[in-house]
Amino acid sequence: MSLLEINDLVIEFRTDTGVVHAVNGLDLSIDEGETLGLGGETGAVKTTTALSVLGLVPSPPGHILSATIRYKGEEI
């Protein structure tokens, strides 16, 4: 069993100037004792992904359109 599993994470931000598709179908799995590093440019979904796991995506303007997030097998 994975420690953390994310399937089909889709997040968008609705702004006055339009919709920003921030995360589009992210899947990842981290096993106990495993380390994962996310790298990328500024605005490349790292913080938004972490906020989604913690349930802290600011709404509005953020909207989680799709996701299954499990911690130790329990959906959060």
PDB file of N, CA and C in Angstrom:
ATOM      1  N   MET A   1       0.845  -1.182   0.000  1.00  0.00           N
ATOM      2  CA  MET A   1       0.000   0.000   0.000  1.00  0.00           C
ATOM      3  C   MET A   1       0.888   1.242   0.000  1.00  0.00           C
ATOM      4  N   SER A   2       0.509   2.224  -0.772  1.00  0.00           N
ATOM      5  CA  SER A   2       1.238   3.487  -0.834  1.00  0.00           C
ATOM      6  C   SER A   2       0.939   4.332   0.395  1.00  0.00           C
ATOM      7  N   LEU A   3       1.925   5.113   0.799  1.00  0.00           N
ATOM      8  CA  LEU A   3       1.721   6.072   1.880  1.00  0.00           C
ATOM      9  C   LEU A   3       0.815   7.205   1.394  1.00  0.00           C
ATOM     10  N   LEU A   4       1.132   7.738   0.210  1.00  0.00           N
ATOM     11  CA  LEU A   4       0.338   8.804  -0.401  1.00  0.00           C
ATOM     12  C   LEU A   4       0.124   8.451  -1.862  1.00  0.00           C
ATOM     13  N   GLU A   5      -1.129   8.542  -2.291  1.00  0.00           N
ATOM     14  CA  GLU A   5      -1.462   8.262  -3.677  1.00  0.00           C
ATOM     15  C   GLU A   5      -2.398   9.346  -4.198  1.00  0.00           C
ATOM     16  N   ILE A   6      -2.038   9.925  -5.325  1.00  0.00           N
ATOM     17  CA  ILE A   6      -2.858  10.942  -5.973  1.00  0.00           C
ATOM     18  C   ILE A   6      -3.179  10.446  -7.374  1.00  0.00           C
ATOM     19  N   ASN A   7      -4.463  10.445  -7.717  1.00  0.00           N
ATOM     20  CA  ASN A   7      -4.895  10.011  -9.046  1.00  0.00           C
ATOM     21  C   ASN A   7      -5.759  11.082  -9.690  1.00  0.00           C
ATOM     22  N   ASP A   8      -5.417  11.420 -10.930  1.00  0.00           N
ATOM     23  CA  ASP A   8      -6.202  12.323 -11.778  1.00  0.00           C
ATOM     24  C   ASP A   8      -6.506  13.663 -11.096  1.00  0.00           C
ATOM     25  N   LEU A   9      -5.482  14.303 -10.571  1.00  0.00           N
ATOM     26  CA  LEU A   9      -5.655  15.619  -9.945  1.00  0.00           C
ATOM     27  C   LEU A   9      -5.784  16.682 -11.029  1.00  0.00           C
ATOM     28  N   VAL A  10      -6.912  17.379 -11.026  1.00  0.00           N
ATOM     29  CA  VAL A  10      -7.171  18.448 -11.982  1.00  0.00           C
ATOM     30  C   VAL A  10      -7.614  19.675 -11.190  1.00  0.00           C
ATOM     31  N   ILE A  11      -6.862  20.765 -11.324  1.00  0.00           N
ATOM     32  CA  ILE A  11      -7.169  22.007 -10.604  1.00  0.00           C
ATOM     33  C   ILE A  11      -7.121  23.159 -11.590  1.00  0.00           C
ATOM     34  N   GLU A  12      -8.106  24.046 -11.467  1.00  0.00           N
ATOM     35  CA  GLU A  12      -8.083  25.271 -12.268  1.00  0.00           C
ATOM     36  C   GLU A  12      -8.368  26.464 -11.376  1.00  0.00           C
ATOM     37  N   PHE A  13      -7.905  27.605 -11.826  1.00  0.00           N
ATOM     38  CA  PHE A  13      -8.166  28.871 -11.148  1.00  0.00           C
ATOM     39  C   PHE A  13      -8.972  29.746 -12.087  1.00  0.00           C
ATOM     40  N   ARG A  14     -10.123  30.203 -11.622  1.00  0.00           N
ATOM     41  CA  ARG A  14     -11.002  31.059 -12.418  1.00  0.00           C
ATOM     42  C   ARG A  14     -10.768  32.502 -12.004  1.00  0.00           C
ATOM     43  N   THR A  15     -10.272  33.293 -12.942  1.00  0.00           N
ATOM     44  CA  THR A  15      -9.944  34.684 -12.667  1.00  0.00           C
ATOM     45  C   THR A  15     -10.775  35.597 -13.554  1.00  0.00           C
ATOM     46  N   ASP A  16     -10.660  36.892 -13.313  1.00  0.00           N
ATOM     47  CA  ASP A  16     -11.385  37.866 -14.132  1.00  0.00           C
ATOM     48  C   ASP A  16     -10.934  37.841 -15.585  1.00  0.00           C
ATOM     49  N   THR A  17      -9.712  37.399 -15.816  1.00  0.00           N
ATOM     50  CA  THR A  17      -9.183  37.382 -17.182  1.00  0.00           C
ATOM     51  C   THR A  17      -9.310  36.015 -17.855  1.00  0.00           C
ATOM     52  N   GLY A  18      -9.853  35.038 -17.160  1.00  0.00           N
ATOM     53  CA  GLY A  18     -10.041  33.725 -17.753  1.00  0.00           C
ATOM     54  C   GLY A  18      -9.715  32.595 -16.805  1.00  0.00           C
ATOM     55  N   VAL A  19      -9.656  31.396 -17.353  1.00  0.00           N
ATOM     56  CA  VAL A  19      -9.400  30.188 -16.570  1.00  0.00           C
ATOM     57  C   VAL A  19      -7.950  29.759 -16.766  1.00  0.00           C
ATOM     58  N   VAL A  20      -7.274  29.470 -15.645  1.00  0.00           N
ATOM     59  CA  VAL A  20      -5.911  28.955 -15.682  1.00  0.00           C
ATOM     60  C   VAL A  20      -5.978  27.477 -15.300  1.00  0.00           C
ATOM     61  N   HIS A  21      -5.556  26.621 -16.197  1.00  0.00           N
ATOM     62  CA  HIS A  21      -5.526  25.180 -15.943  1.00  0.00           C
ATOM     63  C   HIS A  21      -4.197  24.878 -15.254  1.00  0.00           C
ATOM     64  N   ALA A  22      -4.219  24.816 -13.926  1.00  0.00           N
ATOM     65  CA  ALA A  22      -2.992  24.728 -13.128  1.00  0.00           C
ATOM     66  C   ALA A  22      -2.429  23.317 -13.063  1.00  0.00           C
ATOM     67  N   VAL A  23      -3.269  22.333 -12.857  1.00  0.00           N
ATOM     68  CA  VAL A  23      -2.845  20.927 -12.774  1.00  0.00           C
ATOM     69  C   VAL A  23      -3.797  20.131 -13.659  1.00  0.00           C
ATOM     70  N   ASN A  24      -3.235  19.289 -14.515  1.00  0.00           N
ATOM     71  CA  ASN A  24      -4.060  18.591 -15.505  1.00  0.00           C
ATOM     72  C   ASN A  24      -3.806  17.091 -15.480  1.00  0.00           C
ATOM     73  N   GLY A  25      -4.484  16.370 -14.580  1.00  0.00           N
ATOM     74  CA  GLY A  25      -4.418  14.915 -14.580  1.00  0.00           C
ATOM     75  C   GLY A  25      -3.170  14.335 -13.943  1.00  0.00           C
ATOM     76  N   LEU A  26      -2.716  14.914 -12.853  1.00  0.00           N
ATOM     77  CA  LEU A  26      -1.512  14.441 -12.165  1.00  0.00           C
ATOM     78  C   LEU A  26      -1.782  13.128 -11.437  1.00  0.00           C
ATOM     79  N   ASP A  27      -0.874  12.168 -11.605  1.00  0.00           N
ATOM     80  CA  ASP A  27      -0.890  10.908 -10.871  1.00  0.00           C
ATOM     81  C   ASP A  27       0.465  10.744 -10.208  1.00  0.00           C
ATOM     82  N   LEU A  28       0.465  10.373  -8.931  1.00  0.00           N
ATOM     83  CA  LEU A  28       1.722  10.030  -8.265  1.00  0.00           C
ATOM     84  C   LEU A  28       1.453   9.134  -7.086  1.00  0.00           C
ATOM     85  N   SER A  29       2.475   8.391  -6.715  1.00  0.00           N
ATOM     86  CA  SER A  29       2.379   7.457  -5.594  1.00  0.00           C
ATOM     87  C   SER A  29       3.707   7.475  -4.851  1.00  0.00           C
ATOM     88  N   ILE A  30       3.625   7.574  -3.538  1.00  0.00           N
ATOM     89  CA  ILE A  30       4.824   7.566  -2.692  1.00  0.00           C
ATOM     90  C   ILE A  30       4.659   6.455  -1.665  1.00  0.00           C
ATOM     91  N   ASP A  31       5.613   5.540  -1.656  1.00  0.00           N
ATOM     92  CA  ASP A  31       5.591   4.450  -0.690  1.00  0.00           C
ATOM     93  C   ASP A  31       6.277   4.875   0.607  1.00  0.00           C
ATOM     94  N   GLU A  32       5.948   4.183   1.690  1.00  0.00           N
ATOM     95  CA  GLU A  32       6.573   4.465   2.979  1.00  0.00           C
ATOM     96  C   GLU A  32       8.088   4.297   2.851  1.00  0.00           C
ATOM     97  N   GLY A  33       8.828   5.257   3.393  1.00  0.00           N
ATOM     98  CA  GLY A  33      10.283   5.244   3.333  1.00  0.00           C
ATOM     99  C   GLY A  33      10.848   5.829   2.054  1.00  0.00           C
ATOM    100  N   GLU A  34       9.997   6.183   1.128  1.00  0.00           N
ATOM    101  CA  GLU A  34      10.411   6.741  -0.159  1.00  0.00           C
ATOM    102  C   GLU A  34      10.391   8.267  -0.077  1.00  0.00           C
ATOM    103  N   THR A  35      11.254   8.897  -0.849  1.00  0.00           N
ATOM    104  CA  THR A  35      11.311  10.356  -0.914  1.00  0.00           C
ATOM    105  C   THR A  35      11.011  10.784  -2.345  1.00  0.00           C
ATOM    106  N   LEU A  36      10.214  11.825  -2.495  1.00  0.00           N
ATOM    107  CA  LEU A  36       9.887  12.358  -3.810  1.00  0.00           C
ATOM    108  C   LEU A  36      10.220  13.836  -3.828  1.00  0.00           C
ATOM    109  N   GLY A  37      10.916  14.266  -4.839  1.00  0.00           N
ATOM    110  CA  GLY A  37      11.192  15.687  -5.022  1.00  0.00           C
ATOM    111  C   GLY A  37      10.482  16.175  -6.266  1.00  0.00           C
ATOM    112  N   LEU A  38       9.786  17.290  -6.162  1.00  0.00           N
ATOM    113  CA  LEU A  38       9.137  17.901  -7.318  1.00  0.00           C
ATOM    114  C   LEU A  38       9.966  19.112  -7.717  1.00  0.00           C
ATOM    115  N   GLY A  39      10.379  19.144  -8.957  1.00  0.00           N
ATOM    116  CA  GLY A  39      11.158  20.270  -9.456  1.00  0.00           C
ATOM    117  C   GLY A  39      10.430  20.913 -10.614  1.00  0.00           C
ATOM    118  N   GLY A  40      10.789  22.151 -10.874  1.00  0.00           N
ATOM    119  CA  GLY A  40      10.178  22.827 -12.012  1.00  0.00           C
ATOM    120  C   GLY A  40      10.242  24.324 -11.856  1.00  0.00           C
ATOM    121  N   GLU A  41       9.824  24.986 -12.893  1.00  0.00           N
ATOM    122  CA  GLU A  41       9.827  26.437 -12.912  1.00  0.00           C
ATOM    123  C   GLU A  41       8.758  26.988 -11.974  1.00  0.00           C
ATOM    124  N   THR A  42       8.863  28.258 -11.684  1.00  0.00           N
ATOM    125  CA  THR A  42       7.835  28.942 -10.912  1.00  0.00           C
ATOM    126  C   THR A  42       6.510  28.813 -11.645  1.00  0.00           C
ATOM    127  N   GLY A  43       5.470  28.487 -10.904  1.00  0.00           N
ATOM    128  CA  GLY A  43       4.154  28.323 -11.504  1.00  0.00           C
ATOM    129  C   GLY A  43       3.959  26.970 -12.163  1.00  0.00           C
ATOM    130  N   ALA A  44       4.791  25.994 -11.779  1.00  0.00           N
ATOM    131  CA  ALA A  44       4.725  24.688 -12.430  1.00  0.00           C
ATOM    132  C   ALA A  44       4.079  23.631 -11.547  1.00  0.00           C
ATOM    133  N   VAL A  45       3.090  23.955 -10.772  1.00  0.00           N
ATOM    134  CA  VAL A  45       2.179  23.093 -10.015  1.00  0.00           C
ATOM    135  C   VAL A  45       2.702  22.530  -8.696  1.00  0.00           C
ATOM    136  N   LYS A  46       3.897  22.830  -8.292  1.00  0.00           N
ATOM    137  CA  LYS A  46       4.439  22.229  -7.063  1.00  0.00           C
ATOM    138  C   LYS A  46       3.626  22.636  -5.837  1.00  0.00           C
ATOM    139  N   THR A  47       3.468  23.909  -5.619  1.00  0.00           N
ATOM    140  CA  THR A  47       2.729  24.388  -4.444  1.00  0.00           C
ATOM    141  C   THR A  47       1.253  24.016  -4.534  1.00  0.00           C
ATOM    142  N   THR A  48       0.669  24.134  -5.706  1.00  0.00           N
ATOM    143  CA  THR A  48      -0.743  23.815  -5.876  1.00  0.00           C
ATOM    144  C   THR A  48      -1.010  22.344  -5.572  1.00  0.00           C
ATOM    145  N   THR A  49      -0.110  21.465  -5.974  1.00  0.00           N
ATOM    146  CA  THR A  49      -0.254  20.044  -5.669  1.00  0.00           C
ATOM    147  C   THR A  49      -0.198  19.817  -4.159  1.00  0.00           C
ATOM    148  N   ALA A  50       0.767  20.428  -3.491  1.00  0.00           N
ATOM    149  CA  ALA A  50       0.885  20.270  -2.034  1.00  0.00           C
ATOM    150  C   ALA A  50      -0.348  20.821  -1.324  1.00  0.00           C
ATOM    151  N   LEU A  51      -0.836  21.975  -1.754  1.00  0.00           N
ATOM    152  CA  LEU A  51      -2.029  22.559  -1.138  1.00  0.00           C
ATOM    153  C   LEU A  51      -3.252  21.662  -1.316  1.00  0.00           C
ATOM    154  N   SER A  52      -3.335  20.964  -2.448  1.00  0.00           N
ATOM    155  CA  SER A  52      -4.484  20.077  -2.670  1.00  0.00           C
ATOM    156  C   SER A  52      -4.472  18.908  -1.697  1.00  0.00           C
ATOM    157  N   VAL A  53      -3.296  18.374  -1.391  1.00  0.00           N
ATOM    158  CA  VAL A  53      -3.188  17.269  -0.433  1.00  0.00           C
ATOM    159  C   VAL A  53      -3.629  17.725   0.946  1.00  0.00           C
ATOM    160  N   LEU A  54      -3.309  18.959   1.281  1.00  0.00           N
ATOM    161  CA  LEU A  54      -3.649  19.503   2.596  1.00  0.00           C
ATOM    162  C   LEU A  54      -5.061  20.084   2.656  1.00  0.00           C
ATOM    163  N   GLY A  55      -5.755  20.124   1.526  1.00  0.00           N
ATOM    164  CA  GLY A  55      -7.103  20.694   1.491  1.00  0.00           C
ATOM    165  C   GLY A  55      -7.097  22.195   1.596  1.00  0.00           C
ATOM    166  N   LEU A  56      -6.033  22.839   1.104  1.00  0.00           N
ATOM    167  CA  LEU A  56      -5.876  24.276   1.274  1.00  0.00           C
ATOM    168  C   LEU A  56      -5.866  25.067  -0.028  1.00  0.00           C
ATOM    169  N   VAL A  57      -6.364  24.494  -1.107  1.00  0.00           N
ATOM    170  CA  VAL A  57      -6.451  25.257  -2.353  1.00  0.00           C
ATOM    171  C   VAL A  57      -7.449  26.388  -2.127  1.00  0.00           C
ATOM    172  N   PRO A  58      -7.024  27.646  -2.304  1.00  0.00           N
ATOM    173  CA  PRO A  58      -7.932  28.769  -2.032  1.00  0.00           C
ATOM    174  C   PRO A  58      -9.111  28.788  -3.003  1.00  0.00           C
ATOM    175  N   SER A  59     -10.319  28.741  -2.439  1.00  0.00           N
ATOM    176  CA  SER A  59     -11.510  28.727  -3.272  1.00  0.00           C
ATOM    177  C   SER A  59     -12.483  29.799  -2.809  1.00  0.00           C
ATOM    178  N   PRO A  60     -12.848  30.750  -3.645  1.00  0.00           N
ATOM    179  CA  PRO A  60     -12.284  30.986  -4.961  1.00  0.00           C
ATOM    180  C   PRO A  60     -10.874  31.575  -4.863  1.00  0.00           C
ATOM    181  N   PRO A  61     -10.131  31.578  -5.913  1.00  0.00           N
ATOM    182  CA  PRO A  61     -10.449  31.257  -7.297  1.00  0.00           C
ATOM    183  C   PRO A  61     -10.164  29.810  -7.684  1.00  0.00           C
ATOM    184  N   GLY A  62      -9.548  29.008  -6.786  1.00  0.00           N
ATOM    185  CA  GLY A  62      -9.160  27.645  -7.139  1.00  0.00           C
ATOM    186  C   GLY A  62     -10.310  26.668  -7.038  1.00  0.00           C
ATOM    187  N   HIS A  63     -10.320  25.705  -7.953  1.00  0.00           N
ATOM    188  CA  HIS A  63     -11.344  24.663  -7.951  1.00  0.00           C
ATOM    189  C   HIS A  63     -10.687  23.331  -8.291  1.00  0.00           C
ATOM    190  N   ILE A  64     -10.852  22.344  -7.414  1.00  0.00           N
ATOM    191  CA  ILE A  64     -10.387  20.990  -7.710  1.00  0.00           C
ATOM    192  C   ILE A  64     -11.508  20.308  -8.483  1.00  0.00           C
ATOM    193  N   LEU A  65     -11.254  20.043  -9.747  1.00  0.00           N
ATOM    194  CA  LEU A  65     -12.288  19.470 -10.612  1.00  0.00           C
ATOM    195  C   LEU A  65     -12.311  17.956 -10.550  1.00  0.00           C
ATOM    196  N   SER A  66     -11.172  17.359 -10.252  1.00  0.00           N
ATOM    197  CA  SER A  66     -11.085  15.906 -10.217  1.00  0.00           C
ATOM    198  C   SER A  66      -9.911  15.521  -9.338  1.00  0.00           C
ATOM    199  N   ALA A  67     -10.073  14.490  -8.536  1.00  0.00           N
ATOM    200  CA  ALA A  67      -8.954  13.974  -7.742  1.00  0.00           C
ATOM    201  C   ALA A  67      -9.406  12.828  -6.864  1.00  0.00           C
ATOM    202  N   THR A  68      -8.507  11.892  -6.700  1.00  0.00           N
ATOM    203  CA  THR A  68      -8.598  10.914  -5.632  1.00  0.00           C
ATOM    204  C   THR A  68      -7.278  11.015  -4.894  1.00  0.00           C
ATOM    205  N   ILE A  69      -7.346  11.375  -3.623  1.00  0.00           N
ATOM    206  CA  ILE A  69      -6.126  11.513  -2.814  1.00  0.00           C
ATOM    207  C   ILE A  69      -6.292  10.603  -1.603  1.00  0.00           C
ATOM    208  N   ARG A  70      -5.337   9.679  -1.457  1.00  0.00           N
ATOM    209  CA  ARG A  70      -5.388   8.740  -0.342  1.00  0.00           C
ATOM    210  C   ARG A  70      -4.095   8.839   0.457  1.00  0.00           C
ATOM    211  N   TYR A  71      -4.253   8.844   1.763  1.00  0.00           N
ATOM    212  CA  TYR A  71      -3.119   8.796   2.694  1.00  0.00           C
ATOM    213  C   TYR A  71      -3.277   7.538   3.532  1.00  0.00           C
ATOM    214  N   LYS A  72      -2.293   6.652   3.454  1.00  0.00           N
ATOM    215  CA  LYS A  72      -2.349   5.352   4.135  1.00  0.00           C
ATOM    216  C   LYS A  72      -3.632   4.605   3.815  1.00  0.00           C
ATOM    217  N   GLY A  73      -4.056   4.693   2.546  1.00  0.00           N
ATOM    218  CA  GLY A  73      -5.230   3.979   2.068  1.00  0.00           C
ATOM    219  C   GLY A  73      -6.554   4.645   2.324  1.00  0.00           C
ATOM    220  N   GLU A  74      -6.553   5.718   3.098  1.00  0.00           N
ATOM    221  CA  GLU A  74      -7.813   6.409   3.429  1.00  0.00           C
ATOM    222  C   GLU A  74      -7.958   7.657   2.583  1.00  0.00           C
ATOM    223  N   GLU A  75      -9.100   7.810   1.924  1.00  0.00           N
ATOM    224  CA  GLU A  75      -9.323   8.977   1.086  1.00  0.00           C
ATOM    225  C   GLU A  75      -9.440  10.233   1.944  1.00  0.00           C
ATOM    226  N   ILE A  76      -8.721  11.259   1.490  1.00  0.00           N
ATOM    227  CA  ILE A  76      -8.771  12.543   2.199  1.00  0.00           C
ATOM    228  C   ILE A  76      -9.289  13.633   1.276  1.00  0.00           C
TER     229      ILE A  76
END
